[in-house]
mmCIF file of all heavy atoms, coordinates in Angstrom:
data_MODEL
# 
_entry.id   MODEL 
# 
loop_
_atom_site.group_PDB 
_atom_site.id 
_atom_site.type_symbol 
_atom_site.label_atom_id 
_atom_site.label_alt_id 
_atom_site.label_comp_id 
_atom_site.label_asym_id 
_atom_site.label_entity_id 
_atom_site.label_seq_id 
_atom_site.pdbx_PDB_ins_code 
_atom_site.Cartn_x 
_atom_site.Cartn_y 
_atom_site.Cartn_z 
_atom_site.occupancy 
_atom_site.B_iso_or_equiv 
_atom_site.pdbx_formal_charge 
_atom_site.auth_seq_id 
_atom_site.auth_comp_id 
_atom_site.auth_asym_id 
_atom_site.auth_atom_id 
_atom_site.pdbx_PDB_model_num 
ATOM 1   N N   . LEU A 1 1  ? 85.140 62.089 111.519 1.00 0.00 ? 1  LEU A N   1 
ATOM 2   C CA  . LEU A 1 1  ? 84.781 61.624 110.187 1.00 0.00 ? 1  LEU A CA  1 
ATOM 3   C C   . LEU A 1 1  ? 83.764 62.563 109.550 1.00 0.00 ? 1  LEU A C   1 
ATOM 4   O O   . LEU A 1 1  ? 83.881 62.911 108.365 1.00 0.00 ? 1  LEU A O   1 
ATOM 5   C CB  . LEU A 1 1  ? 84.229 60.206 110.261 1.00 0.00 ? 1  LEU A CB  1 
ATOM 6   C CG  . LEU A 1 1  ? 83.699 59.608 108.953 1.00 0.00 ? 1  LEU A CG  1 
ATOM 7   C CD1 . LEU A 1 1  ? 84.769 59.614 107.870 1.00 0.00 ? 1  LEU A CD1 1 
ATOM 8   C CD2 . LEU A 1 1  ? 83.180 58.191 109.189 1.00 0.00 ? 1  LEU A CD2 1 
ATOM 9   N N   . ASP A 1 2  ? 82.772 62.998 110.327 1.00 0.00 ? 2  ASP A N   1 
ATOM 10  C CA  . ASP A 1 2  ? 81.765 63.918 109.798 1.00 0.00 ? 2  ASP A CA  1 
ATOM 11  C C   . ASP A 1 2  ? 82.415 65.193 109.277 1.00 0.00 ? 2  ASP A C   1 
ATOM 12  O O   . ASP A 1 2  ? 82.059 65.696 108.207 1.00 0.00 ? 2  ASP A O   1 
ATOM 13  C CB  . ASP A 1 2  ? 80.745 64.271 110.886 1.00 0.00 ? 2  ASP A CB  1 
ATOM 14  C CG  . ASP A 1 2  ? 79.975 63.056 111.379 1.00 0.00 ? 2  ASP A CG  1 
ATOM 15  O OD1 . ASP A 1 2  ? 79.950 62.044 110.661 1.00 0.00 ? 2  ASP A OD1 1 
ATOM 16  O OD2 . ASP A 1 2  ? 79.414 63.128 112.483 1.00 0.00 ? 2  ASP A OD2 1 
ATOM 17  N N   . GLU A 1 3  ? 83.354 65.716 110.040 1.00 0.00 ? 3  GLU A N   1 
ATOM 18  C CA  . GLU A 1 3  ? 84.031 66.954 109.652 1.00 0.00 ? 3  GLU A CA  1 
ATOM 19  C C   . GLU A 1 3  ? 84.831 66.763 108.368 1.00 0.00 ? 3  GLU A C   1 
ATOM 20  O O   . GLU A 1 3  ? 84.847 67.628 107.489 1.00 0.00 ? 3  GLU A O   1 
ATOM 21  C CB  . GLU A 1 3  ? 84.936 67.418 110.786 1.00 0.00 ? 3  GLU A CB  1 
ATOM 22  C CG  . GLU A 1 3  ? 85.623 68.751 110.537 1.00 0.00 ? 3  GLU A CG  1 
ATOM 23  C CD  . GLU A 1 3  ? 86.457 69.200 111.724 1.00 0.00 ? 3  GLU A CD  1 
ATOM 24  O OE1 . GLU A 1 3  ? 86.351 68.588 112.809 1.00 0.00 ? 3  GLU A OE1 1 
ATOM 25  O OE2 . GLU A 1 3  ? 87.222 70.178 111.564 1.00 0.00 ? 3  GLU A OE2 1 
ATOM 26  N N   . ALA A 1 4  ? 85.496 65.619 108.259 1.00 0.00 ? 4  ALA A N   1 
ATOM 27  C CA  . ALA A 1 4  ? 86.296 65.354 107.064 1.00 0.00 ? 4  ALA A CA  1 
ATOM 28  C C   . ALA A 1 4  ? 85.409 65.205 105.828 1.00 0.00 ? 4  ALA A C   1 
ATOM 29  O O   . ALA A 1 4  ? 85.738 65.708 104.751 1.00 0.00 ? 4  ALA A O   1 
ATOM 30  C CB  . ALA A 1 4  ? 87.140 64.102 107.272 1.00 0.00 ? 4  ALA A CB  1 
ATOM 31  N N   . ILE A 1 5  ? 84.286 64.501 105.977 1.00 0.00 ? 5  ILE A N   1 
ATOM 32  C CA  . ILE A 1 5  ? 83.359 64.350 104.849 1.00 0.00 ? 5  ILE A CA  1 
ATOM 33  C C   . ILE A 1 5  ? 82.833 65.711 104.411 1.00 0.00 ? 5  ILE A C   1 
ATOM 34  O O   . ILE A 1 5  ? 82.756 66.014 103.218 1.00 0.00 ? 5  ILE A O   1 
ATOM 35  C CB  . ILE A 1 5  ? 82.195 63.411 105.229 1.00 0.00 ? 5  ILE A CB  1 
ATOM 36  C CG1 . ILE A 1 5  ? 82.701 61.970 105.387 1.00 0.00 ? 5  ILE A CG1 1 
ATOM 37  C CG2 . ILE A 1 5  ? 81.079 63.461 104.182 1.00 0.00 ? 5  ILE A CG2 1 
ATOM 38  C CD1 . ILE A 1 5  ? 81.671 61.016 105.951 1.00 0.00 ? 5  ILE A CD1 1 
ATOM 39  N N   . ALA A 1 6  ? 82.486 66.560 105.374 1.00 0.00 ? 6  ALA A N   1 
ATOM 40  C CA  . ALA A 1 6  ? 81.995 67.897 105.053 1.00 0.00 ? 6  ALA A CA  1 
ATOM 41  C C   . ALA A 1 6  ? 83.052 68.713 104.313 1.00 0.00 ? 6  ALA A C   1 
ATOM 42  O O   . ALA A 1 6  ? 82.730 69.557 103.475 1.00 0.00 ? 6  ALA A O   1 
ATOM 43  C CB  . ALA A 1 6  ? 81.561 68.621 106.324 1.00 0.00 ? 6  ALA A CB  1 
ATOM 44  N N   . GLY A 1 7  ? 84.326 68.439 104.612 1.00 0.00 ? 7  GLY A N   1 
ATOM 45  C CA  . GLY A 1 7  ? 85.402 69.199 103.994 1.00 0.00 ? 7  GLY A CA  1 
ATOM 46  C C   . GLY A 1 7  ? 85.707 68.802 102.563 1.00 0.00 ? 7  GLY A C   1 
ATOM 47  O O   . GLY A 1 7  ? 86.075 69.654 101.747 1.00 0.00 ? 7  GLY A O   1 
ATOM 48  N N   . VAL A 1 8  ? 85.555 67.523 102.235 1.00 0.00 ? 8  VAL A N   1 
ATOM 49  C CA  . VAL A 1 8  ? 85.967 67.066 100.901 1.00 0.00 ? 8  VAL A CA  1 
ATOM 50  C C   . VAL A 1 8  ? 84.805 66.642 100.011 1.00 0.00 ? 8  VAL A C   1 
ATOM 51  O O   . VAL A 1 8  ? 84.980 66.457 98.806  1.00 0.00 ? 8  VAL A O   1 
ATOM 52  C CB  . VAL A 1 8  ? 86.970 65.895 101.002 1.00 0.00 ? 8  VAL A CB  1 
ATOM 53  C CG1 . VAL A 1 8  ? 88.152 66.273 101.867 1.00 0.00 ? 8  VAL A CG1 1 
ATOM 54  C CG2 . VAL A 1 8  ? 86.297 64.635 101.536 1.00 0.00 ? 8  VAL A CG2 1 
ATOM 55  N N   . GLY A 1 9  ? 83.609 66.489 100.587 1.00 0.00 ? 9  GLY A N   1 
ATOM 56  C CA  . GLY A 1 9  ? 82.494 65.961 99.823  1.00 0.00 ? 9  GLY A CA  1 
ATOM 57  C C   . GLY A 1 9  ? 81.736 67.007 99.027  1.00 0.00 ? 9  GLY A C   1 
ATOM 58  O O   . GLY A 1 9  ? 81.875 68.210 99.235  1.00 0.00 ? 9  GLY A O   1 
ATOM 59  N N   . HIS A 1 10 ? 80.936 66.506 98.087  1.00 0.00 ? 10 HIS A N   1 
ATOM 60  C CA  . HIS A 1 10 ? 80.036 67.326 97.282  1.00 0.00 ? 10 HIS A CA  1 
ATOM 61  C C   . HIS A 1 10 ? 78.598 66.947 97.626  1.00 0.00 ? 10 HIS A C   1 
ATOM 62  O O   . HIS A 1 10 ? 78.319 65.825 98.053  1.00 0.00 ? 10 HIS A O   1 
ATOM 63  C CB  . HIS A 1 10 ? 80.231 67.070 95.783  1.00 0.00 ? 10 HIS A CB  1 
ATOM 64  C CG  . HIS A 1 10 ? 81.583 67.432 95.269  1.00 0.00 ? 10 HIS A CG  1 
ATOM 65  N ND1 . HIS A 1 10 ? 81.854 68.649 94.691  1.00 0.00 ? 10 HIS A ND1 1 
ATOM 66  C CD2 . HIS A 1 10 ? 82.746 66.728 95.241  1.00 0.00 ? 10 HIS A CD2 1 
ATOM 67  C CE1 . HIS A 1 10 ? 83.127 68.695 94.325  1.00 0.00 ? 10 HIS A CE1 1 
ATOM 68  N NE2 . HIS A 1 10 ? 83.686 67.535 94.649  1.00 0.00 ? 10 HIS A NE2 1 
ATOM 69  N N   . ILE A 1 11 ? 77.670 67.895 97.418  1.00 0.00 ? 11 ILE A N   1 
ATOM 70  C CA  . ILE A 1 11 ? 76.254 67.575 97.533  1.00 0.00 ? 11 ILE A CA  1 
ATOM 71  C C   . ILE A 1 11 ? 75.911 66.581 96.418  1.00 0.00 ? 11 ILE A C   1 
ATOM 72  O O   . ILE A 1 11 ? 76.172 66.847 95.241  1.00 0.00 ? 11 ILE A O   1 
ATOM 73  C CB  . ILE A 1 11 ? 75.387 68.834 97.402  1.00 0.00 ? 11 ILE A CB  1 
ATOM 74  C CG1 . ILE A 1 11 ? 75.602 69.750 98.604  1.00 0.00 ? 11 ILE A CG1 1 
ATOM 75  C CG2 . ILE A 1 11 ? 73.919 68.462 97.255  1.00 0.00 ? 11 ILE A CG2 1 
ATOM 76  C CD1 . ILE A 1 11 ? 75.132 69.165 99.917  1.00 0.00 ? 11 ILE A CD1 1 
ATOM 77  N N   . PRO A 1 12 ? 75.358 65.422 96.766  1.00 0.00 ? 12 PRO A N   1 
ATOM 78  C CA  . PRO A 1 12 ? 75.068 64.393 95.750  1.00 0.00 ? 12 PRO A CA  1 
ATOM 79  C C   . PRO A 1 12 ? 73.773 64.682 95.012  1.00 0.00 ? 12 PRO A C   1 
ATOM 80  O O   . PRO A 1 12 ? 72.715 64.150 95.339  1.00 0.00 ? 12 PRO A O   1 
ATOM 81  C CB  . PRO A 1 12 ? 74.963 63.110 96.586  1.00 0.00 ? 12 PRO A CB  1 
ATOM 82  C CG  . PRO A 1 12 ? 74.481 63.589 97.925  1.00 0.00 ? 12 PRO A CG  1 
ATOM 83  C CD  . PRO A 1 12 ? 75.043 64.969 98.135  1.00 0.00 ? 12 PRO A CD  1 
ATOM 84  N N   . LEU A 1 13 ? 73.854 65.542 94.009  1.00 0.00 ? 13 LEU A N   1 
ATOM 85  C CA  . LEU A 1 13 ? 72.662 65.867 93.241  1.00 0.00 ? 13 LEU A CA  1 
ATOM 86  C C   . LEU A 1 13 ? 72.094 64.611 92.574  1.00 0.00 ? 13 LEU A C   1 
ATOM 87  O O   . LEU A 1 13 ? 72.844 63.701 92.205  1.00 0.00 ? 13 LEU A O   1 
ATOM 88  C CB  . LEU A 1 13 ? 72.986 66.909 92.176  1.00 0.00 ? 13 LEU A CB  1 
ATOM 89  C CG  . LEU A 1 13 ? 73.286 68.330 92.664  1.00 0.00 ? 13 LEU A CG  1 
ATOM 90  C CD1 . LEU A 1 13 ? 73.647 69.214 91.478  1.00 0.00 ? 13 LEU A CD1 1 
ATOM 91  C CD2 . LEU A 1 13 ? 72.113 68.915 93.433  1.00 0.00 ? 13 LEU A CD2 1 
ATOM 92  N N   . PRO A 1 14 ? 70.776 64.557 92.410  1.00 0.00 ? 14 PRO A N   1 
ATOM 93  C CA  . PRO A 1 14 ? 70.176 63.417 91.713  1.00 0.00 ? 14 PRO A CA  1 
ATOM 94  C C   . PRO A 1 14 ? 70.782 63.247 90.329  1.00 0.00 ? 14 PRO A C   1 
ATOM 95  O O   . PRO A 1 14 ? 71.188 64.232 89.692  1.00 0.00 ? 14 PRO A O   1 
ATOM 96  C CB  . PRO A 1 14 ? 68.700 63.796 91.639  1.00 0.00 ? 14 PRO A CB  1 
ATOM 97  C CG  . PRO A 1 14 ? 68.494 64.763 92.752  1.00 0.00 ? 14 PRO A CG  1 
ATOM 98  C CD  . PRO A 1 14 ? 69.766 65.527 92.868  1.00 0.00 ? 14 PRO A CD  1 
ATOM 99  N N   . PRO A 1 15 ? 70.837 62.017 89.821  1.00 0.00 ? 15 PRO A N   1 
ATOM 100 C CA  . PRO A 1 15 ? 71.470 61.765 88.520  1.00 0.00 ? 15 PRO A CA  1 
ATOM 101 C C   . PRO A 1 15 ? 70.895 62.587 87.383  1.00 0.00 ? 15 PRO A C   1 
ATOM 102 O O   . PRO A 1 15 ? 71.631 63.000 86.480  1.00 0.00 ? 15 PRO A O   1 
ATOM 103 C CB  . PRO A 1 15 ? 71.217 60.260 88.302  1.00 0.00 ? 15 PRO A CB  1 
ATOM 104 C CG  . PRO A 1 15 ? 70.992 59.703 89.660  1.00 0.00 ? 15 PRO A CG  1 
ATOM 105 C CD  . PRO A 1 15 ? 70.361 60.784 90.465  1.00 0.00 ? 15 PRO A CD  1 
ATOM 106 N N   . TYR A 1 16 ? 69.583 62.849 87.411  1.00 0.00 ? 16 TYR A N   1 
ATOM 107 C CA  . TYR A 1 16 ? 68.968 63.579 86.309  1.00 0.00 ? 16 TYR A CA  1 
ATOM 108 C C   . TYR A 1 16 ? 69.336 65.065 86.323  1.00 0.00 ? 16 TYR A C   1 
ATOM 109 O O   . TYR A 1 16 ? 69.103 65.758 85.343  1.00 0.00 ? 16 TYR A O   1 
ATOM 110 C CB  . TYR A 1 16 ? 67.444 63.407 86.326  1.00 0.00 ? 16 TYR A CB  1 
ATOM 111 C CG  . TYR A 1 16 ? 66.817 63.495 87.703  1.00 0.00 ? 16 TYR A CG  1 
ATOM 112 C CD1 . TYR A 1 16 ? 66.607 64.724 88.319  1.00 0.00 ? 16 TYR A CD1 1 
ATOM 113 C CD2 . TYR A 1 16 ? 66.457 62.349 88.387  1.00 0.00 ? 16 TYR A CD2 1 
ATOM 114 C CE1 . TYR A 1 16 ? 66.055 64.807 89.580  1.00 0.00 ? 16 TYR A CE1 1 
ATOM 115 C CE2 . TYR A 1 16 ? 65.898 62.418 89.649  1.00 0.00 ? 16 TYR A CE2 1 
ATOM 116 C CZ  . TYR A 1 16 ? 65.695 63.651 90.237  1.00 0.00 ? 16 TYR A CZ  1 
ATOM 117 O OH  . TYR A 1 16 ? 65.152 63.723 91.489  1.00 0.00 ? 16 TYR A OH  1 
ATOM 118 N N   . ILE A 1 17 ? 69.900 65.560 87.428  1.00 0.00 ? 17 ILE A N   1 
ATOM 119 C CA  . ILE A 1 17 ? 70.449 66.913 87.462  1.00 0.00 ? 17 ILE A CA  1 
ATOM 120 C C   . ILE A 1 17 ? 71.952 66.867 87.248  1.00 0.00 ? 17 ILE A C   1 
ATOM 121 O O   . ILE A 1 17 ? 72.513 67.627 86.455  1.00 0.00 ? 17 ILE A O   1 
ATOM 122 C CB  . ILE A 1 17 ? 70.118 67.617 88.790  1.00 0.00 ? 17 ILE A CB  1 
ATOM 123 C CG1 . ILE A 1 17 ? 68.608 67.792 88.940  1.00 0.00 ? 17 ILE A CG1 1 
ATOM 124 C CG2 . ILE A 1 17 ? 70.818 68.978 88.869  1.00 0.00 ? 17 ILE A CG2 1 
ATOM 125 C CD1 . ILE A 1 17 ? 68.179 68.424 90.259  1.00 0.00 ? 17 ILE A CD1 1 
ATOM 126 N N   . ALA A 1 18 ? 72.624 65.947 87.944  1.00 0.00 ? 18 ALA A N   1 
ATOM 127 C CA  . ALA A 1 18 ? 74.084 65.849 87.859  1.00 0.00 ? 18 ALA A CA  1 
ATOM 128 C C   . ALA A 1 18 ? 74.561 65.559 86.446  1.00 0.00 ? 18 ALA A C   1 
ATOM 129 O O   . ALA A 1 18 ? 75.677 65.943 86.071  1.00 0.00 ? 18 ALA A O   1 
ATOM 130 C CB  . ALA A 1 18 ? 74.587 64.777 88.819  1.00 0.00 ? 18 ALA A CB  1 
ATOM 131 N N   . SER A 1 19 ? 73.733 64.884 85.636  1.00 0.00 ? 19 SER A N   1 
ATOM 132 C CA  . SER A 1 19 ? 74.133 64.588 84.258  1.00 0.00 ? 19 SER A CA  1 
ATOM 133 C C   . SER A 1 19 ? 74.092 65.814 83.361  1.00 0.00 ? 19 SER A C   1 
ATOM 134 O O   . SER A 1 19 ? 74.626 65.799 82.255  1.00 0.00 ? 19 SER A O   1 
ATOM 135 C CB  . SER A 1 19 ? 73.230 63.496 83.673  1.00 0.00 ? 19 SER A CB  1 
ATOM 136 O OG  . SER A 1 19 ? 71.887 63.948 83.576  1.00 0.00 ? 19 SER A OG  1 
ATOM 137 N N   . LYS A 1 20 ? 73.457 66.889 83.858  1.00 0.00 ? 20 LYS A N   1 
ATOM 138 C CA  . LYS A 1 20 ? 73.291 68.093 83.045  1.00 0.00 ? 20 LYS A CA  1 
ATOM 139 C C   . LYS A 1 20 ? 74.125 69.279 83.534  1.00 0.00 ? 20 LYS A C   1 
ATOM 140 O O   . LYS A 1 20 ? 74.358 70.222 82.786  1.00 0.00 ? 20 LYS A O   1 
ATOM 141 C CB  . LYS A 1 20 ? 71.816 68.476 82.982  1.00 0.00 ? 20 LYS A CB  1 
ATOM 142 C CG  . LYS A 1 20 ? 70.955 67.447 82.252  1.00 0.00 ? 20 LYS A CG  1 
ATOM 143 C CD  . LYS A 1 20 ? 69.500 67.866 82.256  1.00 0.00 ? 20 LYS A CD  1 
ATOM 144 C CE  . LYS A 1 20 ? 68.656 66.924 81.390  1.00 0.00 ? 20 LYS A CE  1 
ATOM 145 N NZ  . LYS A 1 20 ? 68.720 65.528 81.859  1.00 0.00 ? 20 LYS A NZ  1 
ATOM 146 N N   . ARG A 1 21 ? 74.542 69.250 84.800  1.00 0.00 ? 21 ARG A N   1 
ATOM 147 C CA  . ARG A 1 21 ? 75.366 70.337 85.320  1.00 0.00 ? 21 ARG A CA  1 
ATOM 148 C C   . ARG A 1 21 ? 76.075 69.874 86.583  1.00 0.00 ? 21 ARG A C   1 
ATOM 149 O O   . ARG A 1 21 ? 75.651 68.917 87.250  1.00 0.00 ? 21 ARG A O   1 
ATOM 150 C CB  . ARG A 1 21 ? 74.538 71.581 85.613  1.00 0.00 ? 21 ARG A CB  1 
ATOM 151 C CG  . ARG A 1 21 ? 73.531 71.425 86.764  1.00 0.00 ? 21 ARG A CG  1 
ATOM 152 C CD  . ARG A 1 21 ? 72.929 72.763 87.126  1.00 0.00 ? 21 ARG A CD  1 
ATOM 153 N NE  . ARG A 1 21 ? 71.952 72.679 88.220  1.00 0.00 ? 21 ARG A NE  1 
ATOM 154 C CZ  . ARG A 1 21 ? 72.268 72.673 89.511  1.00 0.00 ? 21 ARG A CZ  1 
ATOM 155 N NH1 . ARG A 1 21 ? 73.541 72.722 89.891  1.00 0.00 ? 21 ARG A NH1 1 
ATOM 156 N NH2 . ARG A 1 21 ? 71.323 72.608 90.419  1.00 0.00 ? 21 ARG A NH2 1 
ATOM 157 N N   . ASP A 1 22 ? 77.170 70.564 86.946  1.00 0.00 ? 22 ASP A N   1 
ATOM 158 C CA  . ASP A 1 22 ? 77.880 70.273 88.184  1.00 0.00 ? 22 ASP A CA  1 
ATOM 159 C C   . ASP A 1 22 ? 77.165 70.923 89.365  1.00 0.00 ? 22 ASP A C   1 
ATOM 160 O O   . ASP A 1 22 ? 76.442 71.910 89.209  1.00 0.00 ? 22 ASP A O   1 
ATOM 161 C CB  . ASP A 1 22 ? 79.313 70.797 88.114  1.00 0.00 ? 22 ASP A CB  1 
ATOM 162 C CG  . ASP A 1 22 ? 80.158 70.042 87.096  1.00 0.00 ? 22 ASP A CG  1 
ATOM 163 O OD1 . ASP A 1 22 ? 79.845 68.852 86.840  1.00 0.00 ? 22 ASP A OD1 1 
ATOM 164 O OD2 . ASP A 1 22 ? 81.112 70.637 86.556  1.00 0.00 ? 22 ASP A OD2 1 
ATOM 165 N N   . ASP A 1 23 ? 77.382 70.363 90.556  1.00 0.00 ? 23 ASP A N   1 
ATOM 166 C CA  . ASP A 1 23 ? 76.850 71.012 91.745  1.00 0.00 ? 23 ASP A CA  1 
ATOM 167 C C   . ASP A 1 23 ? 77.640 72.290 92.022  1.00 0.00 ? 23 ASP A C   1 
ATOM 168 O O   . ASP A 1 23 ? 78.782 72.438 91.579  1.00 0.00 ? 23 ASP A O   1 
ATOM 169 C CB  . ASP A 1 23 ? 76.925 70.073 92.952  1.00 0.00 ? 23 ASP A CB  1 
ATOM 170 C CG  . ASP A 1 23 ? 78.351 69.779 93.381  1.00 0.00 ? 23 ASP A CG  1 
ATOM 171 O OD1 . ASP A 1 23 ? 79.067 69.122 92.600  1.00 0.00 ? 23 ASP A OD1 1 
ATOM 172 O OD2 . ASP A 1 23 ? 78.757 70.224 94.470  1.00 0.00 ? 23 ASP A OD2 1 
ATOM 173 N N   . ASP A 1 24 ? 77.037 73.224 92.715  1.00 0.00 ? 24 ASP A N   1 
ATOM 174 C CA  . ASP A 1 24 ? 77.703 74.475 93.047  1.00 0.00 ? 24 ASP A CA  1 
ATOM 175 C C   . ASP A 1 24 ? 77.279 74.914 94.440  1.00 0.00 ? 24 ASP A C   1 
ATOM 176 O O   . ASP A 1 24 ? 76.525 74.223 95.136  1.00 0.00 ? 24 ASP A O   1 
ATOM 177 C CB  . ASP A 1 24 ? 77.427 75.555 92.002  1.00 0.00 ? 24 ASP A CB  1 
ATOM 178 C CG  . ASP A 1 24 ? 75.940 75.797 91.772  1.00 0.00 ? 24 ASP A CG  1 
ATOM 179 O OD1 . ASP A 1 24 ? 75.150 75.616 92.724  1.00 0.00 ? 24 ASP A OD1 1 
ATOM 180 O OD2 . ASP A 1 24 ? 75.556 76.163 90.651  1.00 0.00 ? 24 ASP A OD2 1 
# 
């Protein structure tokens, strides 16, 4: 499960950053 999450997930940036730009 850990490996699968690492493969498809994104870094969950805080809302005050995520609302202004996508993670990279």
